[in-house]
Amino acid sequence: MQLIPAIDLKDGKCVRLRQGRMEDDTVFSDDPVAMAAHWVERGARRLHLVDLNGAFAGEPVNGDIVKAIAAAFPSLPIQIGGGIRTPEIIEAYLAAGVQWLIIGTKAVREPDFVTDMCQRFPGHIIVGLDAKDGMVATDGWANVTDIEVTALAQRFQDDGVSSIVYTDISRDGMLQGVNVEATARLADAIRIPVIASGGITDLEDIRALCGQAHRGIEGAITGRAIYEGTLDFAAGQALSDELINA
């Protein structure tokens, strides 16, 4: 199970939000490319980038930074979410060297868009599903819908989606522990691999996720914990490798 560092971009800086609130952010670096280099040096095998401004604007705002990171690490798989709402945006990111595009709000509002993009860009589409109490949230978590997250994930089963990034927004950025059971339940309900996100705090969370990885959890995104030091990234990946290969 891969541990995937998150680099959330707001106003050109690397930040972390609490529960998706743009006004409740902590700036961790003014140089996102240097931050990417830091995680690569710590052994990251994949990066998770989010254009937070783009998620609210509905189009890329920090796209040049994303492209700069991709150019700096051409062999490193990168996934980007936030404002991915047209085929032209997807095409531009792929041309810049990004591996996967995460479709979130648009996947909820226009599920057929995911189907079309999977056909047009096979192997490059991830669906990001953010949920609170099992219900899907959209628009940078500003709105909680009446759509059940498992039902929506099942809608994409035959489209060729590479994975589902599942975020429990009640825990994201709060260092309260990952919602392992909810993540595993979603993985049980679909054939698409699931990447856990939200609330990862320490090595015990890694241990708990690895214990359920066989149910279809292929990775875990971590942000605030590795920035604030409650989780050592290299130690977390080493533990995951040890447990999965045991």
Protein backbone atom coordinates (compact mmCIF):
# COMPACT_ATOMS: atom_id res chain seq x y z
CA MET A 1 0.00 0.00 0.00
CA GLN A 2 1.48 3.29 -1.11
CA LEU A 3 1.67 6.24 1.25
CA ILE A 4 1.05 9.34 -0.88
CA PRO A 5 2.11 12.82 0.31
CA ALA A 6 -0.42 15.57 -0.35
CA ILE A 7 0.60 18.98 -1.62
CA ASP A 8 -2.40 21.29 -1.44
CA LEU A 9 -1.97 24.50 -3.41
CA LYS A 10 -3.58 27.79 -2.43
CA ASP A 11 -2.46 31.15 -3.80
CA GLY A 12 0.77 29.57 -5.02
CA LYS A 13 1.69 28.16 -1.61
CA CYS A 14 1.64 24.70 -0.01
CA VAL A 15 -1.08 24.68 2.66
CA ARG A 16 -3.36 22.39 4.62
CA LEU A 17 -6.99 23.08 5.37
CA ARG A 18 -9.10 21.89 8.27
CA GLN A 19 -12.22 20.08 7.01
CA GLY A 20 -11.92 21.79 3.63
CA ARG A 21 -12.45 25.33 4.92
CA MET A 22 -10.48 27.77 2.77
CA GLU A 23 -10.40 30.32 5.60
CA ASP A 24 -8.88 27.78 8.02
CA ASP A 25 -5.53 27.10 6.38
CA THR A 26 -1.98 26.60 7.54
CA VAL A 27 0.86 27.56 5.19
CA PHE A 28 3.68 25.00 5.23
CA SER A 29 5.80 26.27 2.35
CA ASP A 30 6.05 29.15 -0.12
CA ASP A 31 7.83 26.81 -2.56
CA PRO A 32 5.68 23.80 -3.58
CA VAL A 33 8.35 22.48 -5.98
CA ALA A 34 10.86 22.34 -3.12
CA MET A 35 8.23 20.63 -0.97
CA ALA A 36 7.72 18.01 -3.68
CA ALA A 37 11.49 17.46 -3.72
CA HIS A 38 11.44 16.98 0.04
CA TRP A 39 8.89 14.15 -0.18
CA VAL A 40 10.69 12.55 -3.10
CA GLU A 41 13.87 12.53 -1.02
CA ARG A 42 11.89 10.87 1.78
CA GLY A 43 10.92 8.06 -0.57
CA ALA A 44 7.58 9.12 -2.06
CA ARG A 45 6.59 6.95 -5.03
CA ARG A 46 3.63 9.13 -6.00
CA LEU A 47 2.36 12.64 -5.23
CA HIS A 48 -1.17 13.88 -4.64
CA LEU A 49 -1.62 17.50 -5.70
CA VAL A 50 -4.75 19.58 -5.14
CA ASP A 51 -5.46 22.97 -6.68
CA LEU A 52 -7.64 24.32 -3.87
CA ASN A 53 -8.34 27.59 -5.65
CA GLY A 54 -9.22 25.59 -8.73
CA ALA A 55 -11.70 23.45 -6.81
CA PHE A 56 -13.69 26.58 -6.00
CA ALA A 57 -13.11 28.37 -9.32
CA GLY A 58 -14.04 25.35 -11.43
CA GLU A 59 -10.84 25.63 -13.48
CA PRO A 60 -7.09 25.42 -12.78
CA VAL A 61 -5.65 28.36 -10.85
CA ASN A 62 -2.32 26.86 -9.71
CA GLY A 63 -1.79 24.87 -12.91
CA ASP A 64 1.64 26.35 -13.64
CA ILE A 65 2.92 25.06 -10.29
CA VAL A 66 1.52 21.60 -10.98
CA LYS A 67 3.27 21.59 -14.35
CA ALA A 68 6.51 22.78 -12.74
CA ILE A 69 6.42 19.88 -10.27
CA ALA A 70 5.73 17.41 -13.09
CA ALA A 71 8.65 18.86 -15.09
CA ALA A 72 10.98 18.65 -12.08
CA PHE A 73 10.17 14.95 -11.49
CA PRO A 74 9.36 13.45 -14.91
CA SER A 75 9.50 9.83 -13.72
CA LEU A 76 7.33 10.37 -10.63
CA PRO A 77 3.61 9.48 -10.93
CA ILE A 78 1.51 12.53 -10.04
CA GLN A 79 -2.24 12.85 -9.56
CA ILE A 80 -3.98 16.23 -9.54
CA GLY A 81 -7.42 17.29 -8.43
CA GLY A 82 -9.21 20.63 -8.23
CA GLY A 83 -10.98 22.26 -11.17
CA ILE A 84 -10.72 19.26 -13.54
CA ARG A 85 -13.91 19.89 -15.51
CA THR A 86 -13.13 19.86 -19.24
CA PRO A 87 -11.28 17.50 -21.62
CA GLU A 88 -8.98 20.38 -22.57
CA ILE A 89 -7.78 20.71 -18.95
CA ILE A 90 -7.13 16.96 -18.79
CA GLU A 91 -5.25 17.04 -22.09
CA ALA A 92 -3.05 19.93 -20.95
CA TYR A 93 -2.11 18.23 -17.68
CA LEU A 94 -1.34 14.92 -19.39
CA ALA A 95 0.85 16.75 -21.92
CA ALA A 96 2.71 18.31 -18.97
CA GLY A 97 3.51 14.87 -17.54
CA VAL A 98 0.76 14.40 -14.95
CA GLN A 99 -0.32 10.75 -14.73
CA TRP A 100 -3.84 10.92 -13.27
CA LEU A 101 -6.60 13.50 -13.19
CA ILE A 102 -9.02 13.45 -10.27
CA ILE A 103 -12.59 14.35 -11.16
CA GLY A 104 -14.64 15.33 -8.12
CA THR A 105 -17.53 17.78 -8.25
CA LYS A 106 -18.08 17.19 -11.98
CA ALA A 107 -18.33 13.44 -11.32
CA VAL A 108 -21.21 14.07 -8.93
CA ARG A 109 -23.08 16.52 -11.15
CA GLU A 110 -22.37 14.88 -14.51
CA PRO A 111 -21.46 11.19 -14.08
CA ASP A 112 -21.48 10.72 -17.86
CA PHE A 113 -18.50 13.08 -18.04
CA VAL A 114 -16.43 10.46 -16.19
CA THR A 115 -17.55 7.78 -18.64
CA ASP A 116 -16.59 9.97 -21.60
CA MET A 117 -13.21 10.95 -20.14
CA CYS A 118 -12.33 7.33 -19.32
CA GLN A 119 -12.96 6.45 -22.95
CA ARG A 120 -10.98 9.41 -24.22
CA PHE A 121 -8.08 9.13 -21.73
CA PRO A 122 -8.02 5.45 -20.67
CA GLY A 123 -6.04 4.70 -17.52
CA HIS A 124 -5.71 8.35 -16.51
CA ILE A 125 -8.97 9.11 -14.67
CA ILE A 126 -9.50 8.93 -10.91
CA VAL A 127 -12.78 9.83 -9.24
CA GLY A 128 -12.55 11.78 -6.00
CA LEU A 129 -15.46 11.19 -3.65
CA ASP A 130 -15.62 13.29 -0.52
CA ALA A 131 -18.21 12.28 2.06
CA LYS A 132 -19.63 13.30 5.40
CA ASP A 133 -21.64 10.65 7.26
CA GLY A 134 -21.72 8.60 4.07
CA MET A 135 -23.15 11.39 1.90
CA VAL A 136 -21.23 12.99 -0.98
CA ALA A 137 -19.90 16.55 -0.61
CA THR A 138 -19.01 18.84 -3.53
CA ASP A 139 -17.51 22.23 -4.41
CA GLY A 140 -14.45 21.96 -2.19
CA TRP A 141 -16.72 20.39 0.48
CA ALA A 142 -18.91 23.48 0.62
CA ASN A 143 -22.08 21.47 -0.10
CA VAL A 144 -23.21 18.10 1.29
CA THR A 145 -25.61 16.34 -1.11
CA ASP A 146 -28.27 13.68 -0.58
CA ILE A 147 -26.26 11.22 -2.73
CA GLU A 148 -24.95 8.11 -0.96
CA VAL A 149 -21.23 7.67 -1.62
CA THR A 150 -21.32 3.90 -2.21
CA ALA A 151 -24.15 4.17 -4.74
CA LEU A 152 -22.27 6.83 -6.70
CA ALA A 153 -19.02 4.84 -6.65
CA GLN A 154 -20.86 1.82 -8.03
CA ARG A 155 -22.11 3.99 -10.90
CA PHE A 156 -18.50 4.21 -12.16
CA GLN A 157 -17.60 0.52 -11.88
CA ASP A 158 -17.57 -0.27 -15.59
CA ASP A 159 -16.16 3.03 -16.84
CA GLY A 160 -12.47 2.19 -16.46
CA VAL A 161 -11.77 4.50 -13.52
CA SER A 162 -8.25 3.85 -12.21
CA SER A 163 -9.18 4.33 -8.55
CA ILE A 164 -11.48 6.14 -6.14
CA VAL A 165 -9.95 8.66 -3.74
CA TYR A 166 -12.27 8.52 -0.73
CA THR A 167 -12.07 11.34 1.81
CA ASP A 168 -13.96 11.46 5.07
CA ILE A 169 -14.24 15.24 5.35
CA SER A 170 -15.23 15.16 9.00
CA ARG A 171 -11.71 13.95 9.75
CA ASP A 172 -9.58 15.60 7.07
CA GLY A 173 -6.92 17.88 8.49
CA MET A 174 -8.08 17.19 12.05
CA LEU A 175 -5.52 14.50 13.04
CA GLN A 176 -8.31 12.38 14.54
CA GLY A 177 -7.44 9.10 12.87
CA VAL A 178 -8.50 7.70 9.52
CA ASN A 179 -12.00 6.25 9.10
CA VAL A 180 -10.74 2.76 8.30
CA GLU A 181 -14.09 0.98 8.48
CA ALA A 182 -15.92 3.40 6.18
CA THR A 183 -13.06 3.20 3.69
CA ALA A 184 -13.04 -0.61 3.80
CA ARG A 185 -16.83 -0.76 3.42
CA LEU A 186 -16.59 1.32 0.26
CA ALA A 187 -13.79 -0.91 -1.06
CA ASP A 188 -15.95 -3.98 -0.35
CA ALA A 189 -18.83 -2.51 -2.34
CA ILE A 190 -16.90 -1.82 -5.57
CA ARG A 191 -14.33 -3.42 -7.85
CA ILE A 192 -12.36 -0.17 -8.23
CA PRO A 193 -9.29 0.19 -5.97
CA VAL A 194 -9.75 2.75 -3.19
CA ILE A 195 -7.22 5.31 -1.96
CA ALA A 196 -7.90 6.41 1.61
CA SER A 197 -7.75 10.07 2.53
CA GLY A 198 -8.56 12.18 5.55
CA GLY A 199 -7.48 11.92 9.17
CA ILE A 200 -4.29 9.85 8.93
CA THR A 201 -2.37 10.76 12.07
CA ASP A 202 0.32 8.24 12.97
CA LEU A 203 1.76 4.78 12.42
CA GLU A 204 -1.26 3.15 14.04
CA ASP A 205 -3.44 4.49 11.23
CA ILE A 206 -1.04 2.97 8.69
CA ARG A 207 -1.17 -0.32 10.59
CA ALA A 208 -4.98 -0.24 10.66
CA LEU A 209 -5.27 0.51 6.94
CA CYS A 210 -2.78 -2.20 6.01
CA GLY A 211 -4.88 -4.63 8.02
CA GLN A 212 -7.78 -3.94 5.65
CA ALA A 213 -5.80 -3.44 2.43
CA HIS A 214 -6.87 -6.86 1.15
CA ARG A 215 -10.40 -5.50 0.85
CA GLY A 216 -9.27 -3.21 -1.97
CA ILE A 217 -7.39 -0.30 -0.38
CA GLU A 218 -4.34 0.41 -2.55
CA GLY A 219 -3.01 3.62 -1.04
CA ALA A 220 -3.36 6.32 1.58
CA ILE A 221 -2.97 10.06 1.14
CA THR A 222 -1.41 11.90 4.05
CA GLY A 223 -1.09 15.63 4.60
CA ARG A 224 -1.17 17.45 7.91
CA ALA A 225 0.35 14.52 9.83
CA ILE A 226 3.57 14.49 7.80
CA TYR A 227 3.80 18.29 7.85
CA GLU A 228 3.29 18.61 11.60
CA GLY A 229 5.38 15.55 12.44
CA THR A 230 2.87 13.18 14.03
CA LEU A 231 3.76 10.76 11.22
CA ASP A 232 7.24 10.24 9.81
CA PHE A 233 6.62 9.65 6.11
CA ALA A 234 9.57 7.32 5.49
CA ALA A 235 8.73 5.26 8.59
CA GLY A 236 5.10 5.05 7.49
CA GLN A 237 5.97 3.76 4.04
CA ALA A 238 8.48 1.29 5.51
CA LEU A 239 5.84 -0.04 7.90
CA SER A 240 3.33 -0.39 5.09
CA ASP A 241 5.83 -2.29 2.94
CA GLU A 242 6.63 -4.58 5.87
CA LEU A 243 3.02 -5.35 6.68
CA ILE A 244 1.82 -5.81 3.09
CA ASN A 245 4.76 -8.07 2.20
CA ALA A 246 4.63 -10.10 5.40
